[in-house]
N, C-alpha and C. Protein backbone atom coordinates (compact mmCIF):
# COMPACT_ATOMS: atom_id res chain seq x y z
N MET A 1 141.78 78.86 110.34
CA MET A 1 140.30 78.15 110.30
C MET A 1 139.42 78.83 109.19
N ARG A 2 138.58 77.95 108.53
CA ARG A 2 137.73 78.33 107.57
C ARG A 2 136.36 78.57 108.03
N ASN A 3 135.65 79.56 107.76
CA ASN A 3 134.23 79.65 108.23
C ASN A 3 133.44 79.69 106.71
N ILE A 4 132.50 78.65 106.61
CA ILE A 4 131.78 78.56 105.63
C ILE A 4 130.33 78.29 105.77
N VAL A 5 129.63 78.89 104.92
CA VAL A 5 128.08 78.59 104.78
C VAL A 5 127.59 77.71 103.64
N MET A 6 126.84 76.85 103.68
CA MET A 6 126.62 75.86 102.74
C MET A 6 125.21 75.67 102.69
N THR A 7 124.70 75.27 101.38
CA THR A 7 123.29 74.86 101.22
C THR A 7 123.29 73.62 100.56
N LEU A 8 122.36 72.74 100.96
CA LEU A 8 122.41 71.38 100.57
C LEU A 8 120.75 71.21 100.12
N ILE A 9 120.57 70.47 99.01
CA ILE A 9 119.34 69.97 98.60
C ILE A 9 119.49 68.64 97.84
N GLY A 10 118.46 67.61 98.20
CA GLY A 10 118.37 66.44 97.48
C GLY A 10 117.30 65.77 98.09
N PRO A 11 116.79 64.52 97.57
CA PRO A 11 115.90 63.66 98.22
C PRO A 11 116.12 63.30 99.43
N ASP A 12 114.89 63.54 100.29
CA ASP A 12 115.10 63.30 101.78
C ASP A 12 115.37 61.70 102.02
N ARG A 13 116.10 61.29 102.80
CA ARG A 13 116.14 59.78 103.35
C ARG A 13 116.46 59.85 104.77
N PRO A 14 116.11 58.76 105.50
CA PRO A 14 116.52 58.36 106.79
C PRO A 14 118.05 58.37 106.97
N GLY A 15 118.47 58.88 108.11
CA GLY A 15 119.92 58.96 108.22
C GLY A 15 120.77 60.01 107.47
N LEU A 16 120.17 60.99 106.72
CA LEU A 16 120.97 62.04 106.03
C LEU A 16 121.68 63.04 106.91
N VAL A 17 120.83 63.56 107.97
CA VAL A 17 121.53 64.36 108.95
C VAL A 17 122.83 63.78 109.62
N GLU A 18 122.47 62.50 110.03
CA GLU A 18 123.69 61.66 110.81
C GLU A 18 124.90 61.62 109.80
N GLU A 19 124.61 61.33 108.59
CA GLU A 19 125.73 61.20 107.55
C GLU A 19 126.37 62.52 107.37
N LEU A 20 125.73 63.62 107.27
CA LEU A 20 126.17 64.92 107.22
C LEU A 20 127.06 65.36 108.32
N SER A 21 126.56 65.20 109.54
CA SER A 21 127.27 65.41 110.84
C SER A 21 128.60 64.59 111.08
N ALA A 22 128.46 63.38 110.61
CA ALA A 22 129.63 62.47 110.65
C ALA A 22 130.67 62.88 109.63
N THR A 23 130.13 63.43 108.43
CA THR A 23 131.30 64.01 107.57
C THR A 23 132.11 65.25 108.06
N VAL A 24 131.25 66.04 108.61
CA VAL A 24 131.60 67.35 109.20
C VAL A 24 132.75 66.96 110.32
N ALA A 25 132.10 66.03 111.28
CA ALA A 25 133.10 65.79 112.37
C ALA A 25 134.39 64.96 112.06
N ARG A 26 134.27 64.20 111.05
CA ARG A 26 135.44 63.22 110.51
C ARG A 26 136.50 64.23 109.91
N HIS A 27 136.14 65.50 109.57
CA HIS A 27 137.08 66.41 109.14
C HIS A 27 137.43 67.43 110.00
N ARG A 28 137.15 67.28 111.38
CA ARG A 28 137.42 68.24 112.43
C ARG A 28 136.61 69.47 112.27
N GLY A 29 135.43 69.44 111.71
CA GLY A 29 134.70 70.53 111.45
C GLY A 29 133.86 70.78 112.79
N ASN A 30 133.37 72.00 112.93
CA ASN A 30 132.46 72.36 113.91
C ASN A 30 131.05 73.00 113.33
N TRP A 31 130.01 72.24 113.68
CA TRP A 31 128.73 72.55 113.06
C TRP A 31 128.34 73.44 113.87
N GLU A 32 128.32 74.88 113.67
CA GLU A 32 127.93 75.84 114.30
C GLU A 32 126.34 76.31 114.38
N GLU A 33 125.87 76.17 113.30
CA GLU A 33 124.43 76.84 112.97
C GLU A 33 123.73 75.96 111.83
N SER A 34 122.54 75.76 111.78
CA SER A 34 121.88 75.30 110.61
C SER A 34 120.33 75.55 110.77
N ARG A 35 119.65 75.50 109.51
CA ARG A 35 118.46 75.40 109.43
C ARG A 35 118.04 74.13 108.33
N MET A 36 117.22 73.30 108.64
CA MET A 36 116.85 72.27 107.79
C MET A 36 115.43 71.98 107.78
N SER A 37 114.92 71.36 106.45
CA SER A 37 113.42 71.19 106.42
C SER A 37 113.39 70.05 105.45
N HIS A 38 112.29 69.45 105.63
CA HIS A 38 111.78 68.37 104.63
C HIS A 38 110.74 69.22 103.86
N LEU A 39 110.94 69.41 102.52
CA LEU A 39 109.94 70.58 101.71
C LEU A 39 109.81 69.45 100.11
N ALA A 40 108.58 69.20 100.07
CA ALA A 40 108.12 68.57 98.87
C ALA A 40 108.96 67.21 98.47
N GLY A 41 109.14 66.44 99.56
CA GLY A 41 110.02 65.37 99.35
C GLY A 41 111.59 65.44 99.30
N ASN A 42 111.82 66.66 99.53
CA ASN A 42 113.39 66.80 99.40
C ASN A 42 113.84 67.51 100.80
N PHE A 43 115.20 67.12 101.02
CA PHE A 43 115.75 67.59 102.28
C PHE A 43 116.50 69.11 101.76
N ALA A 44 116.17 70.08 102.51
CA ALA A 44 116.81 71.21 102.17
C ALA A 44 117.53 71.80 103.58
N GLY A 45 118.69 72.13 103.34
CA GLY A 45 119.54 72.68 104.58
C GLY A 45 120.48 73.66 104.27
N MET A 46 120.71 74.64 105.21
CA MET A 46 121.76 75.54 105.32
C MET A 46 122.42 75.18 106.39
N LEU A 47 123.95 75.33 106.34
CA LEU A 47 124.61 75.04 107.46
C LEU A 47 125.92 76.11 107.44
N ARG A 48 126.25 76.44 108.71
CA ARG A 48 127.40 77.17 109.01
C ARG A 48 128.41 76.34 109.86
N ILE A 49 129.64 76.13 109.10
CA ILE A 49 130.59 75.27 109.69
C ILE A 49 131.93 76.06 109.79
N GLN A 50 132.51 75.63 110.84
CA GLN A 50 134.02 76.13 110.76
C GLN A 50 134.80 74.76 110.70
N CYS A 51 136.00 74.95 109.95
CA CYS A 51 136.90 73.62 109.85
C CYS A 51 138.26 74.08 109.68
N PRO A 52 139.32 73.31 110.03
CA PRO A 52 140.60 73.73 109.71
C PRO A 52 140.89 74.04 108.33
N ASP A 53 141.85 74.89 108.09
CA ASP A 53 142.33 74.96 106.73
C ASP A 53 142.69 73.86 105.88
N GLU A 54 143.42 72.92 106.63
CA GLU A 54 144.07 71.84 106.01
C GLU A 54 143.00 70.62 105.82
N THR A 55 141.88 70.69 106.31
CA THR A 55 140.69 69.89 106.10
C THR A 55 139.75 70.24 105.03
N TYR A 56 139.68 71.55 104.92
CA TYR A 56 138.79 72.24 104.10
C TYR A 56 138.39 71.64 102.83
N GLU A 57 139.34 71.35 102.04
CA GLU A 57 139.16 70.83 100.56
C GLU A 57 138.68 69.37 100.67
N ASP A 58 139.27 68.52 101.54
CA ASP A 58 138.76 67.28 101.80
C ASP A 58 137.16 67.15 102.25
N LEU A 59 136.87 68.21 103.09
CA LEU A 59 135.43 68.14 103.75
C LEU A 59 134.45 68.54 102.40
N LEU A 60 134.89 69.51 101.57
CA LEU A 60 133.95 69.83 100.65
C LEU A 60 133.80 68.66 99.45
N SER A 61 135.08 68.00 99.28
CA SER A 61 134.80 66.76 98.26
C SER A 61 133.89 65.67 98.96
N SER A 62 134.09 65.36 100.18
CA SER A 62 133.39 64.40 100.90
C SER A 62 131.80 64.87 100.90
N LEU A 63 131.45 65.98 101.16
CA LEU A 63 130.00 66.43 101.17
C LEU A 63 129.60 66.45 99.70
N ARG A 64 130.40 66.76 98.85
CA ARG A 64 129.86 66.63 97.45
C ARG A 64 129.65 65.31 96.91
N SER A 65 130.29 64.35 97.62
CA SER A 65 130.25 63.16 96.85
C SER A 65 129.05 62.33 97.49
N LEU A 66 128.36 62.94 98.54
CA LEU A 66 127.22 62.26 99.09
C LEU A 66 126.19 61.94 98.03
N GLU A 67 125.43 60.82 97.97
CA GLU A 67 124.59 60.33 97.03
C GLU A 67 123.39 61.55 96.92
N ASN A 68 123.09 61.80 95.68
CA ASN A 68 121.68 62.46 95.38
C ASN A 68 121.81 64.01 96.26
N LEU A 69 122.95 64.51 96.39
CA LEU A 69 122.92 65.69 97.29
C LEU A 69 123.67 66.90 96.50
N THR A 70 122.95 68.04 96.26
CA THR A 70 123.73 69.03 95.67
C THR A 70 124.15 69.97 96.70
N VAL A 71 125.33 70.53 96.80
CA VAL A 71 125.94 71.21 97.75
C VAL A 71 126.71 72.40 97.11
N SER A 72 126.11 73.57 97.74
CA SER A 72 126.94 74.81 97.40
C SER A 72 127.48 75.50 98.48
N VAL A 73 128.73 76.07 98.37
CA VAL A 73 129.51 76.55 99.52
C VAL A 73 129.95 77.96 99.21
N SER A 74 129.84 78.77 100.35
CA SER A 74 130.29 80.30 100.29
C SER A 74 131.12 80.53 101.50
N GLU A 75 132.09 81.54 101.42
CA GLU A 75 132.85 81.94 102.64
C GLU A 75 131.76 82.82 103.48
N GLU A 76 131.93 82.67 104.67
CA GLU A 76 131.02 83.53 105.58
C GLU A 76 131.51 84.92 105.60
N LEU A 77 130.48 85.87 105.49
CA LEU A 77 130.66 87.27 105.31
C LEU A 77 130.68 87.99 106.57
N PRO A 78 131.42 89.01 106.83
CA PRO A 78 131.41 89.84 108.01
C PRO A 78 129.98 90.29 108.06
N GLU A 79 129.33 90.43 109.40
CA GLU A 79 128.01 91.11 109.47
C GLU A 79 128.22 92.56 109.35
N ILE A 80 127.11 93.33 108.89
CA ILE A 80 127.02 94.67 108.97
C ILE A 80 127.05 95.24 110.31
N GLY A 81 127.81 96.32 110.61
CA GLY A 81 127.91 96.63 111.89
C GLY A 81 127.27 97.83 112.35
N HIS A 82 126.07 98.20 111.85
CA HIS A 82 125.24 99.28 112.43
C HIS A 82 124.35 98.83 113.25
N SER A 83 123.71 99.84 114.08
CA SER A 83 122.72 99.39 115.07
C SER A 83 121.46 98.89 114.37
N GLN A 84 120.96 97.84 114.91
CA GLN A 84 119.54 97.33 114.36
C GLN A 84 118.94 96.59 115.33
N LYS A 85 117.52 96.60 115.20
CA LYS A 85 116.73 95.75 116.04
C LYS A 85 115.98 94.88 115.14
N ILE A 86 115.43 93.74 116.09
CA ILE A 86 114.61 92.73 115.32
C ILE A 86 113.21 92.84 115.55
N ILE A 87 112.32 92.71 114.37
CA ILE A 87 111.02 92.63 114.43
C ILE A 87 110.43 91.23 114.00
N SER A 88 109.43 90.69 114.60
CA SER A 88 108.87 89.57 114.07
C SER A 88 107.48 89.88 113.52
N PHE A 89 107.06 88.95 112.52
CA PHE A 89 105.65 89.20 112.13
C PHE A 89 105.07 88.05 111.75
N ASP A 90 103.71 88.02 111.90
CA ASP A 90 102.94 86.88 111.42
C ASP A 90 101.85 87.43 110.53
N VAL A 91 101.81 86.88 109.20
CA VAL A 91 100.66 87.38 108.21
C VAL A 91 99.93 86.15 107.91
N VAL A 92 98.69 86.24 108.08
CA VAL A 92 97.74 84.97 107.69
C VAL A 92 96.56 85.69 106.82
N GLY A 93 96.12 84.97 105.82
CA GLY A 93 95.11 85.50 104.92
C GLY A 93 94.82 84.57 103.62
N ASN A 94 94.06 84.86 102.74
CA ASN A 94 93.85 83.98 101.68
C ASN A 94 95.22 84.07 100.77
N ASP A 95 95.24 82.72 100.27
CA ASP A 95 96.46 82.68 99.35
C ASP A 95 96.24 83.34 97.99
N ARG A 96 97.19 83.81 97.48
CA ARG A 96 96.96 84.30 96.01
C ARG A 96 98.51 84.36 95.23
N PRO A 97 98.66 84.20 94.03
CA PRO A 97 100.12 84.44 93.41
C PRO A 97 100.27 85.65 93.80
N GLY A 98 101.69 85.58 94.02
CA GLY A 98 102.55 87.01 94.17
C GLY A 98 102.47 87.50 95.74
N ILE A 99 102.03 86.90 96.50
CA ILE A 99 101.92 87.31 97.98
C ILE A 99 103.21 87.65 98.66
N ILE A 100 104.25 86.65 98.54
CA ILE A 100 105.61 86.75 98.78
C ILE A 100 106.19 87.99 98.39
N GLN A 101 106.01 88.27 96.99
CA GLN A 101 106.68 89.36 96.37
C GLN A 101 106.04 90.65 97.03
N GLU A 102 104.91 90.71 97.18
CA GLU A 102 104.00 91.83 97.99
C GLU A 102 104.55 92.06 99.25
N LEU A 103 104.81 91.10 99.99
CA LEU A 103 105.08 91.10 101.39
C LEU A 103 106.58 91.65 101.55
N ALA A 104 107.52 91.07 100.72
CA ALA A 104 108.76 91.55 100.64
C ALA A 104 108.97 93.00 100.22
N SER A 105 108.16 93.30 99.45
CA SER A 105 108.38 94.93 98.81
C SER A 105 107.75 95.68 99.82
N ALA A 106 106.80 95.33 100.74
CA ALA A 106 106.13 96.16 101.84
C ALA A 106 107.34 96.36 102.70
N VAL A 107 108.08 95.28 103.04
CA VAL A 107 109.22 95.31 104.22
C VAL A 107 110.25 96.26 103.62
N VAL A 108 110.50 96.02 102.37
CA VAL A 108 111.65 96.95 101.77
C VAL A 108 111.25 98.43 101.85
N ARG A 109 110.07 98.91 101.42
CA ARG A 109 109.50 100.01 101.42
C ARG A 109 109.48 100.69 102.52
N SER A 110 109.25 99.92 103.55
CA SER A 110 109.37 100.39 104.96
C SER A 110 110.66 100.53 105.73
N GLY A 111 111.61 100.24 105.02
CA GLY A 111 113.07 100.31 105.47
C GLY A 111 113.67 99.23 106.22
N GLY A 112 113.01 97.88 106.14
CA GLY A 112 113.45 96.75 106.73
C GLY A 112 114.10 95.67 105.63
N ASN A 113 114.80 94.74 106.39
CA ASN A 113 115.34 93.84 105.51
C ASN A 113 114.84 92.35 106.03
N VAL A 114 114.32 91.63 105.28
CA VAL A 114 113.78 90.14 105.75
C VAL A 114 115.05 89.41 105.96
N GLU A 115 115.26 88.94 107.24
CA GLU A 115 116.16 88.17 107.81
C GLU A 115 115.88 86.53 107.80
N GLU A 116 114.71 86.44 107.98
CA GLU A 116 114.18 84.92 107.97
C GLU A 116 112.72 84.97 107.62
N LEU A 117 112.27 83.78 107.11
CA LEU A 117 110.97 83.79 106.39
C LEU A 117 110.46 82.37 106.01
N GLN A 118 109.45 82.14 106.69
CA GLN A 118 108.70 80.81 106.70
C GLN A 118 107.40 80.94 106.21
N SER A 119 107.10 80.33 105.15
CA SER A 119 105.53 80.30 104.57
C SER A 119 105.05 78.99 104.27
N ASN A 120 103.74 78.92 104.58
CA ASN A 120 102.97 77.62 104.24
C ASN A 120 101.63 77.81 103.96
N LEU A 121 100.99 76.84 103.47
CA LEU A 121 99.39 76.95 103.38
C LEU A 121 98.94 75.90 104.48
N GLU A 122 97.94 76.45 105.12
CA GLU A 122 97.29 75.83 106.28
C GLU A 122 95.74 75.45 105.96
N SER A 123 95.36 74.48 106.36
CA SER A 123 93.85 74.26 106.06
C SER A 123 92.87 75.26 107.16
N ALA A 124 92.07 75.88 106.45
CA ALA A 124 90.99 76.86 107.30
C ALA A 124 90.01 75.99 107.78
N PRO A 125 89.82 75.83 109.25
CA PRO A 125 88.75 74.95 109.74
C PRO A 125 87.44 75.17 109.07
N HIS A 126 86.76 76.37 108.64
CA HIS A 126 85.47 76.34 108.28
C HIS A 126 85.42 76.89 106.91
N ALA A 127 86.47 77.22 106.27
CA ALA A 127 86.40 78.05 105.05
C ALA A 127 86.45 76.83 103.82
N GLY A 128 87.12 75.85 103.96
CA GLY A 128 87.25 74.64 103.04
C GLY A 128 88.11 75.02 101.90
N HIS A 129 89.16 75.94 102.11
CA HIS A 129 90.13 76.25 101.17
C HIS A 129 91.59 76.63 102.12
N PRO A 130 92.61 76.61 101.33
CA PRO A 130 93.96 76.80 102.08
C PRO A 130 93.92 78.22 102.39
N VAL A 131 94.61 78.51 103.55
CA VAL A 131 94.99 79.81 104.05
C VAL A 131 96.60 80.03 104.11
N PHE A 132 97.14 81.26 103.72
CA PHE A 132 98.43 81.54 103.58
C PHE A 132 98.79 81.96 104.86
N ARG A 133 100.00 81.62 105.25
CA ARG A 133 100.66 82.15 106.64
C ARG A 133 102.06 82.26 106.36
N ALA A 134 102.58 83.41 106.81
CA ALA A 134 104.22 83.65 106.74
C ALA A 134 104.48 84.19 108.02
N LYS A 135 105.65 83.66 108.42
CA LYS A 135 106.23 84.11 109.85
C LYS A 135 107.51 84.42 109.66
N GLY A 136 108.06 85.47 110.15
CA GLY A 136 109.47 86.07 109.77
C GLY A 136 110.19 86.93 110.81
N THR A 137 111.18 87.18 110.42
CA THR A 137 111.86 88.39 111.33
C THR A 137 112.38 89.31 110.17
N VAL A 138 112.34 90.52 110.55
CA VAL A 138 112.90 91.71 109.84
C VAL A 138 113.94 92.41 110.80
N THR A 139 115.12 92.85 110.11
CA THR A 139 115.93 93.63 110.83
C THR A 139 115.66 95.26 110.43
N VAL A 140 115.75 96.14 111.26
CA VAL A 140 115.45 97.42 110.95
C VAL A 140 116.30 98.54 111.83
N ASN A 141 116.56 99.75 111.29
CA ASN A 141 117.46 100.64 112.06
C ASN A 141 116.67 100.98 113.36
N GLU A 142 117.39 101.46 114.34
CA GLU A 142 116.60 101.77 115.66
C GLU A 142 115.78 103.00 115.57
N ASP A 143 115.85 103.80 114.54
CA ASP A 143 114.81 104.77 114.42
C ASP A 143 113.50 104.55 113.43
N PHE A 144 113.34 102.99 113.18
CA PHE A 144 112.48 102.57 112.38
C PHE A 144 111.05 102.96 112.79
N ASP A 145 109.89 103.16 111.80
CA ASP A 145 108.65 103.30 112.09
C ASP A 145 107.90 102.12 112.10
N GLU A 146 107.78 101.62 113.25
CA GLU A 146 106.97 100.21 113.09
C GLU A 146 105.61 100.32 112.73
N GLN A 147 104.84 101.38 112.96
CA GLN A 147 103.35 101.46 112.44
C GLN A 147 103.48 101.53 110.97
N GLY A 148 104.51 102.11 110.51
CA GLY A 148 104.74 102.13 108.80
C GLY A 148 104.88 100.85 108.19
N LEU A 149 105.43 99.93 109.10
CA LEU A 149 105.40 98.40 108.41
C LEU A 149 104.20 97.80 108.55
N ILE A 150 103.41 97.97 109.83
CA ILE A 150 102.28 97.30 109.92
C ILE A 150 101.12 97.93 108.90
N THR A 151 101.25 99.06 108.70
CA THR A 151 100.36 99.67 107.56
C THR A 151 100.65 99.25 106.29
N ALA A 152 101.88 98.89 105.81
CA ALA A 152 102.28 98.54 104.67
C ALA A 152 101.98 97.00 104.61
N LEU A 153 102.06 96.34 105.52
CA LEU A 153 101.60 94.99 105.45
C LEU A 153 100.05 94.69 105.41
N GLU A 154 99.38 95.49 106.25
CA GLU A 154 98.00 95.49 106.14
C GLU A 154 97.36 96.12 104.94
N GLY A 155 98.09 96.87 104.33
CA GLY A 155 97.66 97.29 102.88
C GLY A 155 97.75 96.39 101.68
N LEU A 156 98.20 95.19 102.12
CA LEU A 156 98.39 94.01 101.14
C LEU A 156 96.97 93.63 100.81
N GLY A 157 96.03 93.71 101.50
CA GLY A 157 94.62 93.22 101.41
C GLY A 157 93.85 93.18 102.61
N ALA A 158 92.52 93.50 102.56
CA ALA A 158 91.78 93.44 103.50
C ALA A 158 91.49 92.00 104.33
N ASP A 159 91.89 91.04 103.67
CA ASP A 159 91.78 89.50 104.01
C ASP A 159 92.94 89.30 104.88
N LEU A 160 94.10 89.96 105.09
CA LEU A 160 95.32 89.55 105.73
C LEU A 160 95.26 90.12 107.01
N ALA A 161 95.45 89.23 108.10
CA ALA A 161 95.60 89.62 109.46
C ALA A 161 97.25 89.62 109.78
N VAL A 162 97.63 90.61 110.29
CA VAL A 162 99.02 91.12 110.57
C VAL A 162 99.33 91.21 111.94
N SER A 163 100.30 90.49 112.61
CA SER A 163 100.70 90.84 113.96
C SER A 163 102.40 91.01 114.04
N ILE A 164 102.82 92.06 114.75
CA ILE A 164 104.16 92.45 114.71
C ILE A 164 104.61 92.22 116.22
N GLU A 165 105.62 91.75 116.49
CA GLU A 165 106.38 91.92 117.74
C GLU A 165 107.85 92.32 117.69
N ASN A 166 108.20 93.09 118.86
CA ASN A 166 109.70 93.48 118.84
C ASN A 166 110.30 93.01 120.24
């Protein structure tokens, strides 16, 4: 069996996920995990699929032949085996260039690793300008200093509200 992770991007259209899932099923693949989103008119997806060795090449060929879809494939890598815990965060504040880089740097300096990140601009009810929001998860070692992460994130600016859950 082959365990693969793939990314897909292309113009969104009705029926695209059905077409993808039918292609995987036709090649006896098992769709194990995915993240998909509509972003700026495009479909963007990440999929984890297991398929028999004998259908692997045909599956890739079929996926790559789908209209207007760019497909990248990687072999699944083994998970790192040391003890970790997961922390969720939510950051809200005024938008500015570089805020994701600042957030990622604060996480790394605190000893964490960004596992998942979603960001967007939201309408502020009374401010009249967009507000930045980032939600995500960070993996950390068991002896991680949670307050250090909170302090690092809050240090990005007085206008940011930070909440952490573990």
